[in-house]
N, C-alpha and C. Protein backbone atom coordinates (compact mmCIF):
# COMPACT_ATOMS: atom_id res chain seq x y z
N UNK A 1 13.39 35.26 -15.06
CA UNK A 1 13.98 36.52 -14.59
C UNK A 1 15.25 36.29 -13.78
N UNK A 2 15.29 35.17 -13.02
CA UNK A 2 16.41 34.92 -12.12
C UNK A 2 17.32 33.79 -12.59
N UNK A 3 17.07 33.25 -13.79
CA UNK A 3 17.73 32.01 -14.21
C UNK A 3 19.24 32.08 -14.14
N UNK A 4 19.82 33.23 -14.46
CA UNK A 4 21.29 33.34 -14.48
C UNK A 4 21.86 33.70 -13.11
N UNK A 5 21.00 33.87 -12.12
CA UNK A 5 21.45 34.29 -10.80
C UNK A 5 21.29 33.22 -9.73
N UNK A 6 20.38 32.29 -9.94
CA UNK A 6 20.16 31.22 -8.97
C UNK A 6 19.61 30.02 -9.74
N UNK A 7 19.98 28.83 -9.34
CA UNK A 7 19.50 27.64 -10.05
C UNK A 7 18.01 27.47 -9.83
N UNK A 8 17.36 26.88 -10.84
CA UNK A 8 15.93 26.62 -10.72
C UNK A 8 15.65 25.69 -9.54
N UNK A 9 16.56 24.76 -9.31
CA UNK A 9 16.36 23.81 -8.22
C UNK A 9 16.38 24.51 -6.86
N UNK A 10 17.36 25.39 -6.66
CA UNK A 10 17.45 26.08 -5.37
C UNK A 10 16.28 27.05 -5.19
N UNK A 11 15.91 27.76 -6.28
CA UNK A 11 14.78 28.67 -6.19
C UNK A 11 13.50 27.89 -5.88
N UNK A 12 13.36 26.72 -6.50
CA UNK A 12 12.18 25.89 -6.23
C UNK A 12 12.13 25.44 -4.77
N UNK A 13 13.29 25.11 -4.22
CA UNK A 13 13.32 24.71 -2.80
C UNK A 13 12.95 25.89 -1.90
N UNK A 14 13.38 27.10 -2.30
CA UNK A 14 13.02 28.28 -1.51
C UNK A 14 11.52 28.53 -1.58
N UNK A 15 10.93 28.37 -2.76
CA UNK A 15 9.48 28.51 -2.89
C UNK A 15 8.77 27.52 -1.95
N UNK A 16 9.26 26.28 -1.93
CA UNK A 16 8.66 25.26 -1.06
C UNK A 16 8.78 25.66 0.41
N UNK A 17 9.94 26.23 0.76
CA UNK A 17 10.15 26.70 2.13
C UNK A 17 9.14 27.79 2.48
N UNK A 18 8.95 28.74 1.57
CA UNK A 18 8.00 29.82 1.82
C UNK A 18 6.58 29.29 1.95
N UNK A 19 6.22 28.33 1.09
CA UNK A 19 4.87 27.76 1.16
C UNK A 19 4.66 27.05 2.49
N UNK A 20 5.71 26.42 3.01
CA UNK A 20 5.58 25.74 4.30
C UNK A 20 5.34 26.73 5.43
N UNK A 21 5.71 27.99 5.22
CA UNK A 21 5.49 29.03 6.21
C UNK A 21 4.13 29.72 6.05
N UNK A 22 3.41 29.35 4.97
CA UNK A 22 2.08 29.91 4.76
C UNK A 22 1.97 30.93 3.65
N UNK A 23 3.06 31.17 2.92
CA UNK A 23 3.02 32.16 1.85
C UNK A 23 2.43 31.55 0.58
N UNK A 24 1.66 32.36 -0.13
CA UNK A 24 0.99 31.92 -1.36
C UNK A 24 1.25 32.93 -2.47
N UNK A 25 0.89 32.54 -3.70
CA UNK A 25 1.00 33.41 -4.88
C UNK A 25 2.42 34.00 -5.00
N UNK A 26 3.40 33.14 -4.81
CA UNK A 26 4.80 33.59 -4.86
C UNK A 26 5.23 33.73 -6.31
N UNK A 27 5.82 34.87 -6.63
CA UNK A 27 6.29 35.08 -8.01
C UNK A 27 7.45 36.07 -8.02
N UNK A 28 8.30 36.02 -9.05
CA UNK A 28 9.39 36.99 -9.19
C UNK A 28 8.84 38.40 -9.32
N UNK A 29 9.55 39.36 -8.75
CA UNK A 29 9.10 40.75 -8.78
C UNK A 29 10.15 41.67 -9.40
N UNK A 30 11.41 41.56 -8.97
CA UNK A 30 12.46 42.43 -9.48
C UNK A 30 13.82 41.88 -9.06
N UNK A 31 14.88 42.49 -9.60
CA UNK A 31 16.24 42.13 -9.22
C UNK A 31 16.92 43.34 -8.60
N UNK A 32 17.62 43.14 -7.50
CA UNK A 32 18.44 44.18 -6.90
C UNK A 32 19.91 43.83 -7.06
N UNK A 33 20.77 44.73 -6.65
CA UNK A 33 22.21 44.47 -6.78
C UNK A 33 22.68 43.39 -5.81
N UNK A 34 21.97 43.23 -4.70
CA UNK A 34 22.36 42.22 -3.72
C UNK A 34 21.25 41.22 -3.42
N UNK A 35 20.09 41.37 -4.07
CA UNK A 35 18.96 40.50 -3.71
C UNK A 35 18.09 40.17 -4.91
N UNK A 36 17.39 39.06 -4.79
CA UNK A 36 16.31 38.69 -5.70
C UNK A 36 15.02 39.00 -4.97
N UNK A 37 14.11 39.67 -5.65
CA UNK A 37 12.91 40.17 -4.97
C UNK A 37 11.68 39.44 -5.51
N UNK A 38 10.91 38.91 -4.58
CA UNK A 38 9.69 38.18 -4.90
C UNK A 38 8.50 38.88 -4.27
N UNK A 39 7.33 38.64 -4.83
CA UNK A 39 6.10 39.09 -4.18
C UNK A 39 5.32 37.86 -3.76
N UNK A 40 4.48 38.02 -2.75
CA UNK A 40 3.67 36.90 -2.26
C UNK A 40 2.53 37.45 -1.43
N UNK A 41 1.69 36.53 -0.92
CA UNK A 41 0.61 36.92 -0.02
C UNK A 41 0.61 35.99 1.18
N UNK A 42 0.22 36.53 2.32
CA UNK A 42 0.02 35.75 3.52
C UNK A 42 -0.99 36.48 4.40
N UNK A 43 -1.94 35.74 4.95
CA UNK A 43 -2.98 36.32 5.80
C UNK A 43 -3.67 37.50 5.11
N UNK A 44 -3.91 37.35 3.79
CA UNK A 44 -4.59 38.36 2.97
C UNK A 44 -3.80 39.66 2.86
N UNK A 45 -2.49 39.60 3.10
CA UNK A 45 -1.64 40.77 2.94
C UNK A 45 -0.60 40.51 1.86
N UNK A 46 -0.31 41.54 1.06
CA UNK A 46 0.76 41.45 0.08
C UNK A 46 2.10 41.70 0.77
N UNK A 47 3.11 40.92 0.38
CA UNK A 47 4.43 41.08 0.97
C UNK A 47 5.50 41.10 -0.12
N UNK A 48 6.65 41.62 0.24
CA UNK A 48 7.84 41.59 -0.58
C UNK A 48 8.88 40.73 0.13
N UNK A 49 9.51 39.86 -0.65
CA UNK A 49 10.54 38.96 -0.11
C UNK A 49 11.87 39.28 -0.79
N UNK A 50 12.86 39.62 0.01
CA UNK A 50 14.21 39.88 -0.50
C UNK A 50 15.09 38.69 -0.13
N UNK A 51 15.58 37.99 -1.14
CA UNK A 51 16.48 36.85 -0.94
C UNK A 51 17.87 37.24 -1.39
N UNK A 52 18.85 37.03 -0.55
CA UNK A 52 20.24 37.35 -0.89
C UNK A 52 20.64 36.63 -2.17
N UNK A 53 21.23 37.37 -3.10
CA UNK A 53 21.72 36.75 -4.32
C UNK A 53 22.91 35.84 -4.00
N UNK A 54 22.94 34.65 -4.60
CA UNK A 54 24.07 33.75 -4.34
C UNK A 54 25.42 34.36 -4.72
N UNK A 55 25.42 35.31 -5.68
CA UNK A 55 26.69 35.91 -6.09
C UNK A 55 27.04 37.16 -5.28
N UNK A 56 26.25 37.46 -4.24
CA UNK A 56 26.53 38.62 -3.40
C UNK A 56 27.21 38.18 -2.11
N UNK A 57 28.38 38.74 -1.81
CA UNK A 57 29.06 38.38 -0.57
C UNK A 57 28.47 39.08 0.66
N UNK A 58 27.62 40.08 0.44
CA UNK A 58 27.10 40.85 1.56
C UNK A 58 26.06 40.07 2.34
N UNK A 59 26.17 40.15 3.65
CA UNK A 59 25.16 39.56 4.53
C UNK A 59 24.72 40.67 5.49
N UNK A 60 23.76 41.46 5.04
CA UNK A 60 23.33 42.61 5.85
C UNK A 60 21.82 42.66 6.08
N UNK A 61 21.10 41.59 5.72
CA UNK A 61 19.66 41.60 5.94
C UNK A 61 19.31 41.52 7.42
N UNK A 62 20.16 40.87 8.20
CA UNK A 62 19.89 40.80 9.64
C UNK A 62 19.91 42.19 10.24
N UNK A 63 20.88 42.99 9.84
CA UNK A 63 20.97 44.37 10.33
C UNK A 63 19.78 45.19 9.83
N UNK A 64 19.41 45.00 8.57
CA UNK A 64 18.26 45.73 8.03
C UNK A 64 16.99 45.34 8.78
N UNK A 65 16.83 44.04 9.06
CA UNK A 65 15.65 43.58 9.80
C UNK A 65 15.58 44.23 11.17
N UNK A 66 16.72 44.35 11.83
CA UNK A 66 16.76 44.97 13.15
C UNK A 66 16.37 46.45 13.06
N UNK A 67 16.85 47.13 12.03
CA UNK A 67 16.50 48.54 11.83
C UNK A 67 15.01 48.69 11.59
N UNK A 68 14.45 47.86 10.71
CA UNK A 68 13.02 47.94 10.39
C UNK A 68 12.18 47.69 11.65
N UNK A 69 12.57 46.71 12.44
CA UNK A 69 11.82 46.43 13.67
C UNK A 69 11.87 47.63 14.62
N UNK A 70 12.99 48.33 14.63
CA UNK A 70 13.14 49.48 15.52
C UNK A 70 12.24 50.64 15.13
N UNK A 71 12.11 50.88 13.81
CA UNK A 71 11.38 52.08 13.36
C UNK A 71 9.95 51.79 12.93
N UNK A 72 9.56 50.52 12.79
CA UNK A 72 8.22 50.24 12.26
C UNK A 72 7.09 50.77 13.14
N UNK A 73 7.25 50.93 14.47
CA UNK A 73 6.15 51.50 15.25
C UNK A 73 5.82 52.94 14.87
N UNK A 74 6.74 53.62 14.17
CA UNK A 74 6.52 55.02 13.82
C UNK A 74 5.84 55.18 12.46
N UNK A 75 5.56 54.09 11.75
CA UNK A 75 4.86 54.17 10.47
C UNK A 75 5.70 54.71 9.34
N UNK A 76 7.01 54.69 9.48
CA UNK A 76 7.90 55.21 8.44
C UNK A 76 8.07 54.22 7.31
N UNK A 77 8.07 52.94 7.64
CA UNK A 77 8.30 51.88 6.67
C UNK A 77 7.32 50.74 6.95
N UNK A 78 6.98 49.94 5.96
CA UNK A 78 6.05 48.83 6.21
C UNK A 78 6.62 47.84 7.23
N UNK A 79 5.77 47.19 7.99
CA UNK A 79 6.22 46.28 9.05
C UNK A 79 7.00 45.09 8.50
N UNK A 80 7.95 44.63 9.30
CA UNK A 80 8.69 43.41 8.99
C UNK A 80 7.80 42.21 9.27
N UNK A 81 7.82 41.25 8.37
CA UNK A 81 7.05 40.01 8.54
C UNK A 81 7.96 38.89 9.04
N UNK A 82 9.16 38.77 8.46
CA UNK A 82 10.05 37.68 8.86
C UNK A 82 11.46 37.96 8.37
N UNK A 83 12.40 37.35 9.08
CA UNK A 83 13.81 37.30 8.64
C UNK A 83 14.28 35.87 8.84
N UNK A 84 15.09 35.38 7.92
CA UNK A 84 15.61 34.02 8.09
C UNK A 84 16.80 33.77 7.19
N UNK A 85 17.30 32.56 7.25
CA UNK A 85 18.41 32.11 6.41
C UNK A 85 18.00 30.79 5.78
N UNK A 86 18.14 30.68 4.45
CA UNK A 86 17.78 29.47 3.72
C UNK A 86 18.98 29.02 2.90
N UNK A 87 19.48 27.85 3.20
CA UNK A 87 20.64 27.28 2.49
C UNK A 87 21.78 28.29 2.40
N UNK A 88 22.02 28.97 3.50
CA UNK A 88 23.12 29.92 3.57
C UNK A 88 22.82 31.31 3.03
N UNK A 89 21.60 31.52 2.51
CA UNK A 89 21.22 32.82 1.94
C UNK A 89 20.23 33.50 2.89
N UNK A 90 20.51 34.74 3.23
CA UNK A 90 19.58 35.50 4.07
C UNK A 90 18.34 35.89 3.27
N UNK A 91 17.23 36.02 3.97
CA UNK A 91 16.04 36.61 3.35
C UNK A 91 15.31 37.46 4.37
N UNK A 92 14.62 38.45 3.82
CA UNK A 92 13.85 39.40 4.63
C UNK A 92 12.50 39.57 3.97
N UNK A 93 11.45 39.55 4.78
CA UNK A 93 10.09 39.70 4.26
C UNK A 93 9.40 40.84 4.99
N UNK A 94 8.82 41.76 4.23
CA UNK A 94 8.08 42.87 4.82
C UNK A 94 6.77 43.04 4.07
N UNK A 95 5.85 43.74 4.71
CA UNK A 95 4.59 44.06 4.03
C UNK A 95 4.87 44.94 2.82
N UNK A 96 4.06 44.77 1.81
CA UNK A 96 4.22 45.52 0.57
C UNK A 96 3.81 46.98 0.76
N UNK A 97 4.61 47.88 0.25
CA UNK A 97 4.29 49.31 0.29
C UNK A 97 3.44 49.64 -0.94
N UNK A 98 2.15 49.80 -0.74
CA UNK A 98 1.24 50.06 -1.87
C UNK A 98 1.47 51.47 -2.40
N UNK A 99 1.59 51.59 -3.72
CA UNK A 99 1.79 52.89 -4.34
C UNK A 99 2.86 52.81 -5.41
N UNK A 100 3.39 53.97 -5.77
CA UNK A 100 4.44 54.05 -6.78
C UNK A 100 5.66 54.72 -6.18
N UNK A 101 6.84 54.36 -6.70
CA UNK A 101 8.02 55.08 -6.24
C UNK A 101 7.90 56.54 -6.66
N UNK A 102 8.53 57.40 -5.90
CA UNK A 102 8.34 58.84 -6.07
C UNK A 102 8.70 59.32 -7.47
N UNK A 103 9.58 58.60 -8.13
CA UNK A 103 9.99 58.99 -9.49
C UNK A 103 8.80 59.04 -10.44
N UNK A 104 7.81 58.16 -10.21
CA UNK A 104 6.64 58.09 -11.09
C UNK A 104 5.36 58.65 -10.48
N UNK A 105 5.36 58.88 -9.18
CA UNK A 105 4.12 59.22 -8.48
C UNK A 105 3.66 60.64 -8.78
N UNK A 106 2.34 60.82 -8.74
CA UNK A 106 1.74 62.15 -8.84
C UNK A 106 1.58 62.70 -7.42
N UNK A 107 2.49 63.57 -7.02
CA UNK A 107 2.53 64.03 -5.64
C UNK A 107 1.45 65.06 -5.35
N UNK A 108 0.70 64.82 -4.27
CA UNK A 108 -0.25 65.79 -3.75
C UNK A 108 0.40 66.54 -2.59
N UNK A 109 -0.24 67.64 -2.17
CA UNK A 109 0.34 68.42 -1.08
C UNK A 109 0.49 67.59 0.19
N UNK A 110 -0.49 66.74 0.46
CA UNK A 110 -0.41 65.92 1.67
C UNK A 110 0.80 64.99 1.63
N UNK A 111 1.19 64.55 0.42
CA UNK A 111 2.39 63.72 0.31
C UNK A 111 3.64 64.51 0.66
N UNK A 112 3.70 65.77 0.23
CA UNK A 112 4.86 66.60 0.56
C UNK A 112 4.98 66.77 2.07
N UNK A 113 3.84 67.01 2.73
CA UNK A 113 3.85 67.12 4.19
C UNK A 113 4.36 65.83 4.82
N UNK A 114 3.88 64.70 4.32
CA UNK A 114 4.24 63.42 4.93
C UNK A 114 5.72 63.10 4.70
N UNK A 115 6.24 63.47 3.54
CA UNK A 115 7.67 63.26 3.28
C UNK A 115 8.51 64.06 4.28
N UNK A 116 8.14 65.32 4.49
CA UNK A 116 8.88 66.15 5.45
C UNK A 116 8.76 65.57 6.86
N UNK A 117 7.56 65.21 7.24
CA UNK A 117 7.35 64.72 8.61
C UNK A 117 8.08 63.41 8.87
N UNK A 118 8.05 62.49 7.91
CA UNK A 118 8.67 61.18 8.15
C UNK A 118 10.19 61.23 8.05
N UNK A 119 10.71 62.06 7.15
CA UNK A 119 12.18 62.17 7.08
C UNK A 119 12.70 62.93 8.30
N UNK A 120 11.94 63.91 8.78
CA UNK A 120 12.35 64.61 10.01
C UNK A 120 12.32 63.66 11.20
N UNK A 121 11.35 62.78 11.24
CA UNK A 121 11.28 61.80 12.32
C UNK A 121 12.48 60.86 12.28
N UNK A 122 12.84 60.41 11.09
CA UNK A 122 14.05 59.58 10.95
C UNK A 122 15.28 60.33 11.46
N UNK A 123 15.36 61.60 11.11
CA UNK A 123 16.48 62.42 11.59
C UNK A 123 16.51 62.45 13.12
N UNK A 124 15.35 62.64 13.73
CA UNK A 124 15.30 62.70 15.20
C UNK A 124 15.68 61.37 15.84
N UNK A 125 15.41 60.28 15.12
CA UNK A 125 15.79 58.97 15.63
C UNK A 125 17.29 58.71 15.45
N UNK A 126 17.95 59.55 14.65
CA UNK A 126 19.39 59.40 14.44
C UNK A 126 19.75 58.35 13.41
N UNK A 127 18.81 58.01 12.53
CA UNK A 127 19.04 56.99 11.51
C UNK A 127 19.10 57.64 10.13
N UNK A 128 20.19 57.46 9.44
CA UNK A 128 20.34 58.01 8.09
C UNK A 128 20.04 56.90 7.08
N UNK A 129 19.05 57.13 6.21
CA UNK A 129 18.68 56.12 5.22
C UNK A 129 19.82 55.88 4.24
N UNK A 130 20.41 56.95 3.74
CA UNK A 130 21.58 56.83 2.88
C UNK A 130 21.32 56.77 1.40
N UNK A 131 20.07 56.56 0.98
CA UNK A 131 19.79 56.41 -0.45
C UNK A 131 18.56 57.20 -0.90
N UNK A 132 18.13 58.17 -0.13
CA UNK A 132 16.90 58.89 -0.46
C UNK A 132 17.01 59.62 -1.79
N UNK A 133 18.16 60.20 -2.08
CA UNK A 133 18.28 61.02 -3.29
C UNK A 133 18.08 60.25 -4.57
N UNK A 134 18.18 58.92 -4.53
CA UNK A 134 18.06 58.15 -5.76
C UNK A 134 16.67 58.10 -6.34
N UNK A 135 15.64 58.41 -5.55
CA UNK A 135 14.27 58.43 -6.07
C UNK A 135 13.58 57.08 -6.12
N UNK A 136 14.24 56.02 -5.61
CA UNK A 136 13.65 54.68 -5.67
C UNK A 136 13.16 54.19 -4.31
N UNK A 137 13.38 54.96 -3.26
CA UNK A 137 13.15 54.44 -1.93
C UNK A 137 12.07 55.18 -1.14
N UNK A 138 11.33 56.05 -1.84
CA UNK A 138 10.13 56.64 -1.27
C UNK A 138 8.95 56.19 -2.11
N UNK A 139 7.99 55.51 -1.46
CA UNK A 139 6.82 55.01 -2.16
C UNK A 139 5.62 55.87 -1.76
N UNK A 140 4.88 56.31 -2.77
CA UNK A 140 3.77 57.24 -2.56
C UNK A 140 2.46 56.57 -2.97
N UNK A 141 1.56 56.46 -2.02
CA UNK A 141 0.22 55.94 -2.28
C UNK A 141 -0.75 56.63 -1.34
N UNK A 142 -1.63 55.86 -0.72
CA UNK A 142 -2.48 56.45 0.31
C UNK A 142 -1.62 56.98 1.46
N UNK A 143 -0.49 56.31 1.68
CA UNK A 143 0.50 56.76 2.65
C UNK A 143 1.85 56.87 1.96
N UNK A 144 2.76 57.56 2.60
CA UNK A 144 4.14 57.63 2.11
C UNK A 144 4.99 56.69 2.97
N UNK A 145 5.77 55.85 2.31
CA UNK A 145 6.67 54.94 3.00
C UNK A 145 8.10 55.09 2.49
N UNK A 146 9.05 54.97 3.37
CA UNK A 146 10.44 54.81 2.99
C UNK A 146 10.75 53.33 3.05
N UNK A 147 11.44 52.81 2.04
CA UNK A 147 11.73 51.38 1.98
C UNK A 147 13.22 51.14 1.79
N UNK A 148 13.61 49.89 1.96
CA UNK A 148 14.98 49.41 1.71
C UNK A 148 16.01 50.15 2.56
N UNK A 149 16.16 49.66 3.77
CA UNK A 149 17.11 50.25 4.71
C UNK A 149 18.42 49.47 4.76
N UNK A 150 18.76 48.84 3.64
CA UNK A 150 19.94 47.99 3.57
C UNK A 150 21.22 48.78 3.85
N UNK A 151 21.26 50.03 3.40
CA UNK A 151 22.48 50.84 3.58
C UNK A 151 22.30 51.90 4.67
N UNK A 152 21.20 51.82 5.41
CA UNK A 152 20.97 52.78 6.49
C UNK A 152 21.92 52.51 7.65
N UNK A 153 22.16 53.56 8.44
CA UNK A 153 23.01 53.38 9.61
C UNK A 153 22.73 54.48 10.62
N UNK A 154 23.14 54.20 11.85
CA UNK A 154 22.99 55.17 12.93
C UNK A 154 24.18 56.12 12.87
N UNK A 155 24.03 57.17 12.07
CA UNK A 155 25.07 58.17 11.86
C UNK A 155 24.38 59.52 11.71
N UNK A 156 25.15 60.57 11.50
CA UNK A 156 24.54 61.88 11.34
C UNK A 156 23.55 61.84 10.18
N UNK A 157 22.26 62.04 10.46
CA UNK A 157 21.25 61.85 9.41
C UNK A 157 21.09 63.08 8.51
N UNK A 158 20.74 62.79 7.25
CA UNK A 158 20.47 63.84 6.27
C UNK A 158 19.20 63.50 5.48
N UNK A 159 18.26 62.88 6.15
CA UNK A 159 17.07 62.40 5.44
C UNK A 159 16.20 63.54 4.92
N UNK A 160 15.86 64.47 5.79
CA UNK A 160 14.97 65.56 5.37
C UNK A 160 15.64 66.43 4.31
N UNK A 161 16.88 66.82 4.54
CA UNK A 161 17.54 67.70 3.57
C UNK A 161 17.70 66.99 2.22
N UNK A 162 17.98 65.68 2.23
CA UNK A 162 18.10 64.94 0.98
C UNK A 162 16.76 64.88 0.26
N UNK A 163 15.68 64.66 1.01
CA UNK A 163 14.35 64.55 0.40
C UNK A 163 13.90 65.88 -0.19
N UNK A 164 14.08 66.96 0.57
CA UNK A 164 13.66 68.28 0.08
C UNK A 164 14.48 68.69 -1.14
N UNK A 165 15.76 68.37 -1.12
CA UNK A 165 16.59 68.67 -2.29
C UNK A 165 16.08 67.92 -3.51
N UNK A 166 15.76 66.64 -3.35
CA UNK A 166 15.30 65.84 -4.48
C UNK A 166 13.94 66.30 -4.99
N UNK A 167 13.03 66.60 -4.09
CA UNK A 167 11.65 66.89 -4.49
C UNK A 167 11.47 68.33 -4.95
N UNK A 168 12.29 69.26 -4.44
CA UNK A 168 12.06 70.68 -4.72
C UNK A 168 13.29 71.44 -5.20
N UNK A 169 14.40 71.30 -4.51
CA UNK A 169 15.49 72.26 -4.70
C UNK A 169 16.44 71.92 -5.84
N UNK A 170 16.74 70.66 -6.03
CA UNK A 170 17.63 70.28 -7.14
C UNK A 170 16.88 70.32 -8.46
N UNK A 171 17.63 70.29 -9.54
CA UNK A 171 17.02 70.28 -10.87
C UNK A 171 17.02 68.84 -11.38
N UNK A 172 15.88 68.18 -11.28
CA UNK A 172 15.76 66.81 -11.75
C UNK A 172 14.33 66.56 -12.20
N UNK A 173 14.06 65.36 -12.68
CA UNK A 173 12.74 65.04 -13.21
C UNK A 173 11.65 65.19 -12.16
N UNK A 174 11.93 64.75 -10.95
CA UNK A 174 10.92 64.84 -9.89
C UNK A 174 10.63 66.29 -9.53
N UNK A 175 11.67 67.06 -9.28
CA UNK A 175 11.46 68.45 -8.85
C UNK A 175 10.81 69.29 -9.95
N UNK A 176 11.16 69.05 -11.20
CA UNK A 176 10.54 69.82 -12.29
C UNK A 176 9.04 69.55 -12.36
N UNK A 177 8.64 68.30 -12.17
CA UNK A 177 7.20 67.97 -12.17
C UNK A 177 6.50 68.65 -11.00
N UNK A 178 7.12 68.60 -9.82
CA UNK A 178 6.49 69.19 -8.64
C UNK A 178 6.38 70.71 -8.79
N UNK A 179 7.43 71.35 -9.27
CA UNK A 179 7.39 72.80 -9.44
C UNK A 179 6.32 73.22 -10.44
N UNK A 180 6.20 72.46 -11.52
CA UNK A 180 5.20 72.79 -12.52
C UNK A 180 3.79 72.60 -11.97
N UNK A 181 3.56 71.49 -11.26
CA UNK A 181 2.23 71.19 -10.74
C UNK A 181 1.76 72.24 -9.76
N UNK A 182 2.66 72.72 -8.88
CA UNK A 182 2.26 73.64 -7.82
C UNK A 182 2.60 75.10 -8.14
N UNK A 183 3.11 75.35 -9.33
CA UNK A 183 3.43 76.73 -9.72
C UNK A 183 4.49 77.35 -8.84
N UNK A 184 5.50 76.59 -8.50
CA UNK A 184 6.55 77.07 -7.59
C UNK A 184 7.54 77.95 -8.34
N UNK A 185 7.82 79.12 -7.77
CA UNK A 185 8.74 80.05 -8.42
C UNK A 185 10.05 80.16 -7.63
N UNK A 186 10.95 80.99 -8.16
CA UNK A 186 12.25 81.16 -7.55
C UNK A 186 12.19 81.72 -6.14
N UNK A 187 11.24 82.61 -5.89
CA UNK A 187 11.12 83.19 -4.55
C UNK A 187 10.77 82.11 -3.52
N UNK A 188 9.84 81.23 -3.90
CA UNK A 188 9.47 80.13 -3.00
C UNK A 188 10.68 79.25 -2.72
N UNK A 189 11.46 78.95 -3.75
CA UNK A 189 12.63 78.08 -3.57
C UNK A 189 13.67 78.73 -2.68
N UNK A 190 13.84 80.04 -2.82
CA UNK A 190 14.78 80.75 -1.94
C UNK A 190 14.32 80.66 -0.48
N UNK A 191 13.02 80.84 -0.26
CA UNK A 191 12.49 80.71 1.10
C UNK A 191 12.68 79.29 1.62
N UNK A 192 12.48 78.31 0.75
CA UNK A 192 12.65 76.92 1.16
C UNK A 192 14.11 76.64 1.54
N UNK A 193 15.03 77.17 0.79
CA UNK A 193 16.46 76.99 1.13
C UNK A 193 16.76 77.60 2.49
N UNK A 194 16.19 78.77 2.76
CA UNK A 194 16.40 79.40 4.07
C UNK A 194 15.83 78.54 5.20
N UNK A 195 14.66 77.96 4.96
CA UNK A 195 14.04 77.13 5.99
C UNK A 195 14.84 75.83 6.20
N UNK A 196 15.41 75.29 5.12
CA UNK A 196 16.26 74.10 5.26
C UNK A 196 17.49 74.42 6.09
N UNK A 197 18.09 75.60 5.84
CA UNK A 197 19.25 76.01 6.66
C UNK A 197 18.85 76.16 8.12
N UNK A 198 17.65 76.72 8.35
CA UNK A 198 17.17 76.87 9.73
C UNK A 198 16.94 75.49 10.36
N UNK A 199 16.41 74.57 9.59
CA UNK A 199 16.20 73.21 10.09
C UNK A 199 17.53 72.57 10.50
N UNK A 200 18.55 72.77 9.70
CA UNK A 200 19.86 72.19 10.03
C UNK A 200 20.38 72.74 11.35
N UNK A 201 20.08 74.01 11.62
CA UNK A 201 20.56 74.63 12.87
C UNK A 201 19.71 74.23 14.07
N UNK A 202 18.40 74.19 13.88
CA UNK A 202 17.49 74.09 15.03
C UNK A 202 16.72 72.77 15.11
N UNK A 203 16.58 72.07 13.99
CA UNK A 203 15.76 70.86 13.97
C UNK A 203 14.27 71.14 13.87
N UNK A 204 13.90 72.41 13.68
CA UNK A 204 12.47 72.77 13.59
C UNK A 204 11.97 72.59 12.15
N UNK A 205 10.80 71.97 12.02
CA UNK A 205 10.21 71.80 10.69
C UNK A 205 9.05 72.76 10.46
N UNK A 206 8.72 73.59 11.46
CA UNK A 206 7.53 74.45 11.35
C UNK A 206 7.62 75.39 10.16
N UNK A 207 8.80 75.92 9.88
CA UNK A 207 8.94 76.83 8.74
C UNK A 207 8.74 76.12 7.42
N UNK A 208 9.25 74.91 7.30
CA UNK A 208 9.06 74.12 6.08
C UNK A 208 7.58 73.79 5.87
N UNK A 209 6.91 73.40 6.94
CA UNK A 209 5.49 73.07 6.82
C UNK A 209 4.65 74.29 6.51
N UNK A 210 5.04 75.44 7.08
CA UNK A 210 4.31 76.68 6.79
C UNK A 210 4.42 77.02 5.30
N UNK A 211 5.61 76.86 4.73
CA UNK A 211 5.77 77.14 3.31
C UNK A 211 4.95 76.18 2.47
N UNK A 212 4.98 74.91 2.80
CA UNK A 212 4.24 73.92 2.01
C UNK A 212 2.74 74.16 2.10
N UNK A 213 2.27 74.64 3.24
CA UNK A 213 0.83 74.88 3.39
C UNK A 213 0.33 75.99 2.47
N UNK A 214 1.26 76.83 1.99
CA UNK A 214 0.88 77.93 1.10
C UNK A 214 0.74 77.49 -0.34
N UNK A 215 1.13 76.27 -0.66
CA UNK A 215 1.04 75.81 -2.05
C UNK A 215 -0.41 75.62 -2.48
């Protein structure tokens, strides 16, 4: 999977480094634009390992690690396990977010509540994720997690409004599935838009939660 992105020798040395730290069952998982992603286990927990791609000039895992450490007490994202540098390449390790990305997940009402609550909390913390609308960074399982804060920053946040637009208000694959499952009509969407506007003015989520409770 990674042969054209990193030499087998260097990847093998990285595996040996991880094993020396106690990680087991290490295997390729996916490729990102700036990272090679591995899965592993340690202390009976599944983890994800992001290793900076050798062809990527970006070095932003240290900043992402700091962000994750700041917000992990709030249960928004899985806990950070480790951050380090190996042969000049940054790596970040976090606990695995069990579930499916929202693009494929079968959303229940409790998931909608949790998405609103966690994105509103991020807004209150003043951290903008920056990539919520893409549908790849919300994982839905027993819990809802936001992942990959590589492009997040402390700027005017739009987490809740981006999430509600993706899940309900915009016309896309995710919103069409949700509308069909819950029988959502145009009147409900108009009310939701009004509540989103009220949220932008006041920061109150009570109206949004009241609407969702009626589904």
